[in-house]
Protein backbone atom coordinates (compact mmCIF):
# COMPACT_ATOMS: atom_id res chain seq x y z
CA UNK A 1 -7.15 -15.75 8.07
CA UNK A 2 -9.93 -13.37 9.35
CA UNK A 3 -8.00 -10.72 11.83
CA UNK A 4 -10.85 -8.19 11.47
CA UNK A 5 -14.44 -9.27 12.06
CA UNK A 6 -16.58 -10.51 8.95
CA UNK A 7 -13.69 -9.45 6.72
CA UNK A 8 -12.43 -12.02 4.07
CA UNK A 9 -8.87 -12.69 3.26
CA UNK A 10 -7.13 -14.20 0.38
CA UNK A 11 -3.99 -15.52 1.16
CA UNK A 12 -1.46 -17.01 -1.26
CA UNK A 13 1.20 -19.08 1.00
CA UNK A 14 4.32 -20.37 0.21
CA UNK A 15 4.52 -24.15 -0.76
CA UNK A 16 7.27 -24.88 1.87
CA UNK A 17 8.53 -23.77 4.95
CA UNK A 18 7.11 -20.72 7.10
CA UNK A 19 6.90 -17.25 5.11
CA UNK A 20 10.13 -14.95 4.98
CA UNK A 21 8.41 -11.84 3.90
CA UNK A 22 5.10 -10.75 4.25
CA UNK A 23 2.96 -8.49 1.87
CA UNK A 24 -0.25 -7.08 2.39
CA UNK A 25 -2.46 -5.71 -0.87
CA UNK A 26 -5.10 -3.55 -0.14
CA UNK A 27 -7.57 -3.16 -3.18
CA UNK A 28 -9.33 0.26 -4.20
CA UNK A 29 -12.73 1.66 -3.39
CA UNK A 30 -15.71 -0.38 -4.62
CA UNK A 31 -13.33 -3.48 -5.70
CA UNK A 32 -12.76 -6.75 -4.14
CA UNK A 33 -9.54 -8.42 -2.82
CA UNK A 34 -9.15 -10.28 -5.78
CA UNK A 35 -8.38 -7.41 -8.08
CA UNK A 36 -5.21 -7.44 -6.57
CA UNK A 37 -4.44 -11.00 -7.86
CA UNK A 38 -2.16 -9.78 -10.93
CA UNK A 39 0.21 -7.96 -8.56
CA UNK A 40 -0.41 -10.79 -6.05
CA UNK A 41 0.96 -13.82 -8.34
CA UNK A 42 4.02 -11.45 -10.04
CA UNK A 43 5.22 -10.72 -6.38
CA UNK A 44 4.87 -14.53 -5.55
CA UNK A 45 6.59 -15.53 -8.99
CA UNK A 46 9.66 -12.81 -7.58
CA UNK A 47 9.08 -13.69 -3.94
CA UNK A 48 8.35 -17.21 -3.88
CA UNK A 49 9.23 -17.86 0.24
CA UNK A 50 6.84 -14.89 0.87
CA UNK A 51 3.14 -14.76 2.24
CA UNK A 52 0.67 -12.86 0.70
CA UNK A 53 -2.59 -11.61 2.11
CA UNK A 54 -5.59 -9.45 0.36
CA UNK A 55 -8.07 -8.62 2.87
CA UNK A 56 -11.57 -7.34 1.95
CA UNK A 57 -12.61 -3.42 2.77
CA UNK A 58 -13.22 -2.60 6.02
CA UNK A 59 -16.49 -1.43 4.97
CA UNK A 60 -19.39 -2.74 2.05
CA UNK A 61 -18.99 -0.30 -0.83
CA UNK A 62 -21.48 2.50 -0.76
CA UNK A 63 -21.84 2.68 -4.59
CA UNK A 64 -22.89 0.59 -7.23
CA UNK A 65 -21.94 -3.03 -6.51
CA UNK A 66 -21.14 -5.31 -4.40
CA UNK A 67 -17.18 -4.25 -3.87
CA UNK A 68 -15.53 -2.83 -0.45
CA UNK A 69 -14.24 0.00 0.97
CA UNK A 70 -11.63 0.80 3.27
CA UNK A 71 -12.91 4.26 4.08
CA UNK A 72 -16.62 5.87 3.21
CA UNK A 73 -16.36 8.67 0.27
CA UNK A 74 -20.16 9.43 1.03
CA UNK A 75 -20.83 12.99 0.84
CA UNK A 76 -17.49 13.34 1.95
CA UNK A 77 -15.15 16.62 1.50
CA UNK A 78 -11.78 16.88 0.45
CA UNK A 79 -11.14 18.07 3.76
CA UNK A 80 -12.53 15.34 5.23
CA UNK A 81 -10.45 12.48 3.91
CA UNK A 82 -7.59 12.66 6.64
CA UNK A 83 -10.52 12.10 9.56
CA UNK A 84 -12.17 9.22 7.88
CA UNK A 85 -8.67 7.48 7.26
CA UNK A 86 -7.74 7.99 10.59
CA UNK A 87 -10.79 6.34 11.96
CA UNK A 88 -10.04 2.94 10.06
CA UNK A 89 -6.54 3.41 10.69
CA UNK A 90 -6.68 1.32 13.84
CA UNK A 91 -8.20 -1.62 12.04
CA UNK A 92 -5.70 -1.72 9.09
CA UNK A 93 -2.90 -1.58 11.84
CA UNK A 94 -4.64 -4.45 13.93
CA UNK A 95 -4.45 -6.53 10.70
CA UNK A 96 -0.77 -5.66 10.06
CA UNK A 97 -0.04 -6.46 13.50
CA UNK A 98 -1.64 -9.68 13.96
CA UNK A 99 -0.16 -11.16 10.27
CA UNK A 100 3.37 -10.33 11.76
CA UNK A 101 2.81 -12.15 14.61
CA UNK A 102 1.20 -15.22 12.80
CA UNK A 103 4.02 -15.44 10.81
CA UNK A 104 6.62 -14.08 12.89
CA UNK A 105 7.97 -11.52 11.16
CA UNK A 106 9.30 -8.04 11.74
CA UNK A 107 8.62 -4.58 10.15
CA UNK A 108 11.37 -5.12 8.06
CA UNK A 109 10.33 -7.95 6.57
CA UNK A 110 6.78 -6.86 5.79
CA UNK A 111 5.69 -4.76 2.47
CA UNK A 112 2.32 -3.06 2.13
CA UNK A 113 1.09 -2.52 -1.19
CA UNK A 114 -2.45 -0.12 -2.52
CA UNK A 115 -4.20 0.80 -4.83
CA UNK A 116 -5.90 3.85 -4.99
CA UNK A 117 -7.89 4.21 -2.05
CA UNK A 118 -6.00 1.48 -0.51
CA UNK A 119 -3.20 3.01 -0.97
CA UNK A 120 -4.13 6.12 0.74
CA UNK A 121 -4.47 3.45 2.92
CA UNK A 122 -1.08 2.53 3.19
CA UNK A 123 0.57 5.55 2.95
CA UNK A 124 -1.21 7.38 6.23
CA UNK A 125 -0.34 3.95 7.78
CA UNK A 126 3.40 4.68 7.41
CA UNK A 127 2.54 8.45 8.78
CA UNK A 128 0.73 7.27 12.02
CA UNK A 129 3.29 4.02 12.35
CA UNK A 130 6.10 4.93 10.85
CA UNK A 131 8.27 1.34 10.79
CA UNK A 132 5.31 -0.35 11.24
CA UNK A 133 6.22 -1.88 7.66
CA UNK A 134 9.39 -1.56 5.45
CA UNK A 135 8.22 -0.74 2.29
CA UNK A 136 5.02 0.66 0.89
CA UNK A 137 4.12 0.40 -3.03
CA UNK A 138 1.54 3.11 -3.48
CA UNK A 139 -0.37 2.87 -6.90
CA UNK A 140 -2.45 5.56 -8.24
CA UNK A 141 -2.66 7.09 -4.63
CA UNK A 142 -1.80 9.53 -2.77
CA UNK A 143 -1.26 11.23 0.88
CA UNK A 144 -4.71 12.41 2.40
CA UNK A 145 -2.94 15.30 4.11
CA UNK A 146 0.57 15.51 3.49
CA UNK A 147 3.05 14.67 6.39
CA UNK A 148 4.83 17.56 8.78
CA UNK A 149 7.64 14.59 8.99
CA UNK A 150 8.62 12.05 5.97
CA UNK A 151 8.63 8.36 7.60
CA UNK A 152 12.47 7.74 8.36
CA UNK A 153 11.80 3.34 9.20
CA UNK A 154 9.73 3.05 6.00
CA UNK A 155 10.91 3.23 2.32
CA UNK A 156 8.08 4.47 0.30
CA UNK A 157 7.82 3.87 -3.53
CA UNK A 158 4.89 5.59 -5.89
CA UNK A 159 3.66 4.09 -9.09
CA UNK A 160 1.15 6.45 -11.08
CA UNK A 161 -0.20 6.49 -14.62
CA UNK A 162 0.17 9.69 -16.76
CA UNK A 163 -3.38 9.67 -17.88
CA UNK A 164 -4.88 9.13 -14.61
CA UNK A 165 -8.43 11.35 -14.43
CA UNK A 166 -9.31 10.19 -11.16
CA UNK A 167 -6.02 10.69 -9.23
CA UNK A 168 -4.29 13.69 -11.35
CA UNK A 169 -0.64 12.75 -11.44
CA UNK A 170 -0.23 16.34 -10.49
CA UNK A 171 -1.19 15.41 -6.82
CA UNK A 172 1.53 12.65 -6.91
CA UNK A 173 4.18 14.64 -7.80
CA UNK A 174 3.26 17.36 -5.17
CA UNK A 175 3.35 14.77 -2.69
CA UNK A 176 7.06 13.16 -3.81
CA UNK A 177 8.76 16.86 -3.63
CA UNK A 178 7.46 17.49 -0.38
CA UNK A 179 8.76 14.51 0.37
CA UNK A 180 12.03 14.93 -1.15
CA UNK A 181 12.35 18.13 0.45
CA UNK A 182 11.57 16.48 4.00
CA UNK A 183 14.67 13.70 2.69
CA UNK A 184 12.24 10.74 2.50
CA UNK A 185 12.95 7.41 0.89
CA UNK A 186 10.67 7.54 -1.62
CA UNK A 187 10.73 6.64 -5.14
CA UNK A 188 8.60 8.14 -7.79
CA UNK A 189 7.38 5.98 -11.43
CA UNK A 190 5.38 7.32 -13.62
CA UNK A 191 4.32 5.59 -16.71
CA UNK A 192 3.01 7.37 -20.05
CA UNK A 193 -0.45 6.27 -21.83
CA UNK A 194 -1.33 4.80 -18.74
CA UNK A 195 -4.31 5.79 -16.69
CA UNK A 196 -6.06 4.57 -13.40
CA UNK A 197 -5.58 1.38 -13.47
CA UNK A 198 -3.01 -1.72 -11.76
CA UNK A 199 -1.18 -1.67 -14.75
CA UNK A 200 1.24 -4.62 -15.70
CA UNK A 201 4.13 -1.84 -16.51
CA UNK A 202 3.69 -0.37 -13.07
CA UNK A 203 3.77 -3.46 -11.18
CA UNK A 204 7.06 -4.69 -13.02
CA UNK A 205 8.43 -1.38 -11.39
CA UNK A 206 7.41 -2.17 -8.23
CA UNK A 207 9.26 -5.59 -8.45
CA UNK A 208 12.21 -3.68 -9.84
CA UNK A 209 12.38 -1.24 -6.86
CA UNK A 210 11.64 -4.02 -4.31
CA UNK A 211 15.09 -6.20 -6.28
CA UNK A 212 17.23 -3.28 -6.54
CA UNK A 213 16.73 -0.07 -4.01
CA UNK A 214 18.62 -0.50 -0.88
CA UNK A 215 16.75 1.33 1.94
CA UNK A 216 18.42 4.76 2.86
CA UNK A 217 18.08 3.77 6.37
CA UNK A 218 20.13 1.40 5.39
CA UNK A 219 23.12 3.34 3.72
CA UNK A 220 22.57 6.02 6.69
CA UNK A 221 23.45 2.99 9.35
CA UNK A 222 26.38 2.37 7.26
CA UNK A 223 28.10 5.51 7.36
């Protein structure tokens, strides 16, 4: 699958039958799609009927190495992050919509997970297009800019390491408090003695959240 020109995608598809769920995994700054395989393998073990897509970043990384990036951080000031994310969001939106159309799946049947810069993209996508995906799994990431309104149709699961020195946990806790004040459907899991890494402990928590958390919008509809 190559929804975005020149963007390779790693795919893990069900062995039999059409996919019943869709996971889209976004890697971190300077990494590659293969860096999300540890998460993808675990997701496939627990959700064997799901399609798992791992696209490469839409831009080549401008630092050392041959990885990719979702938006440029070259000479970026903190206040410019939201603008740069916004410039890349249409490409991500298009990728998600094309994948959903390909497999005939809805937003409620779609989850997007991201690590670091990939998590920023996933979170900002829900602000710009609430309900495009049913769940977000944000590992070691944050909002580029705290939203004025919380998403109503998307459940947000935040996972972070207490010892993260690249994306300090205080930023994530502040973001979670901001969401809670706006009655967002959100969870936060923080692992002690874990830094800026897609850690197995956090992956296990993500699976737990996927298996046990009933979206708040479902409860509200029932009531």
